[in-house]
Each structure stands twice: as C-alpha cells, then as structure tokens.
Protein backbone atom coordinates (compact mmCIF):
# COMPACT_ATOMS: atom_id res chain seq x y z
CA UNK A 1 0.00 0.00 0.00
CA UNK A 2 1.33 3.42 -0.90
CA UNK A 3 1.86 5.83 1.97
CA UNK A 4 -0.30 8.91 2.23
CA UNK A 5 1.32 12.33 1.90
CA UNK A 6 0.16 14.68 4.64
CA UNK A 7 1.60 17.92 3.25
CA UNK A 8 -0.48 20.20 5.47
CA UNK A 9 -0.15 18.22 8.69
CA UNK A 10 2.03 20.66 10.61
CA UNK A 11 3.09 20.55 14.25
CA UNK A 12 0.45 23.19 14.94
CA UNK A 13 -2.30 20.99 13.49
CA UNK A 14 -0.99 17.91 15.33
CA UNK A 15 -1.04 19.85 18.62
CA UNK A 16 -4.63 20.96 18.00
CA UNK A 17 -5.63 17.33 17.34
CA UNK A 18 -4.01 16.24 20.61
CA UNK A 19 -5.70 19.08 22.49
CA UNK A 20 -9.06 17.93 21.13
CA UNK A 21 -8.45 14.38 22.34
CA UNK A 22 -7.41 15.70 25.76
CA UNK A 23 -10.57 17.79 25.99
CA UNK A 24 -12.75 14.84 24.97
CA UNK A 25 -11.08 12.64 27.60
CA UNK A 26 -11.47 15.34 30.26
CA UNK A 27 -15.17 15.70 29.44
CA UNK A 28 -15.59 11.92 29.10
CA UNK A 29 -16.73 12.43 25.50
CA UNK A 30 -14.05 10.45 23.65
CA UNK A 31 -15.82 7.77 21.65
CA UNK A 32 -14.71 4.29 22.71
CA UNK A 33 -16.08 1.55 20.51
CA UNK A 34 -17.82 -1.37 22.21
CA UNK A 35 -15.49 -3.54 20.14
CA UNK A 36 -12.47 -2.40 22.15
CA UNK A 37 -11.17 -4.74 24.82
CA UNK A 38 -10.89 -3.45 28.39
CA UNK A 39 -7.18 -2.92 27.77
CA UNK A 40 -8.02 -1.17 24.51
CA UNK A 41 -10.32 1.28 26.31
CA UNK A 42 -7.44 2.19 28.63
CA UNK A 43 -4.73 2.54 26.00
CA UNK A 44 -6.69 3.92 23.03
CA UNK A 45 -6.37 7.58 24.11
CA UNK A 46 -2.64 7.08 24.75
CA UNK A 47 -2.05 5.55 21.33
CA UNK A 48 -4.28 8.11 19.65
CA UNK A 49 -2.20 10.95 21.11
CA UNK A 50 1.01 9.22 19.98
CA UNK A 51 -0.39 8.75 16.47
CA UNK A 52 -1.34 12.43 16.27
CA UNK A 53 2.03 13.51 17.64
CA UNK A 54 4.33 11.48 15.42
CA UNK A 55 2.38 8.99 13.43
CA UNK A 56 1.21 8.29 9.93
CA UNK A 57 -1.47 6.12 8.38
CA UNK A 58 0.31 2.96 9.55
CA UNK A 59 -0.44 3.83 13.18
CA UNK A 60 -4.07 2.91 12.54
CA UNK A 61 -2.97 -0.60 11.64
CA UNK A 62 -1.03 -0.87 14.90
CA UNK A 63 -4.11 0.06 16.92
CA UNK A 64 -6.18 -2.77 15.48
CA UNK A 65 -4.95 -5.26 18.09
CA UNK A 66 -6.95 -3.36 20.72
CA UNK A 67 -10.17 -4.89 19.38
C-alpha cells in the first residue's frame, strides 16, 4: 500500500488534534467503541495521542490489536 502524503499536517495541526483528544477525555466524551477490549479502552487515548504527535497512516494498523 502506498503511503499517504500529509503535506499540510504541521506541528500546529498535530497539537490541535491532541488538544481535542485531551478535551474529549477530560469531558468523558471520547468515543470508545464497544469492540475495544478493556485494555483497549485504557490505552486507546494514549495511542491516539502518539499517532497524532508522530504517526502516519500505519499507526491505525497498529491500533487494530486493541479490538
């Protein structure tokens, strides 16, 4: 599979994405699929932040084991 090119995904945008996740977690509004395991529910926000901070489209594949 060819990698995506995120030309406009700057550090500023990544930080805004992380801030949105943090706010959702704080307000208990982050969507957690019923398909996630108990461990997945704990670690999903952590991995999501990491993906937004430094990741690419392959991070989504790595998160699939949480189901």
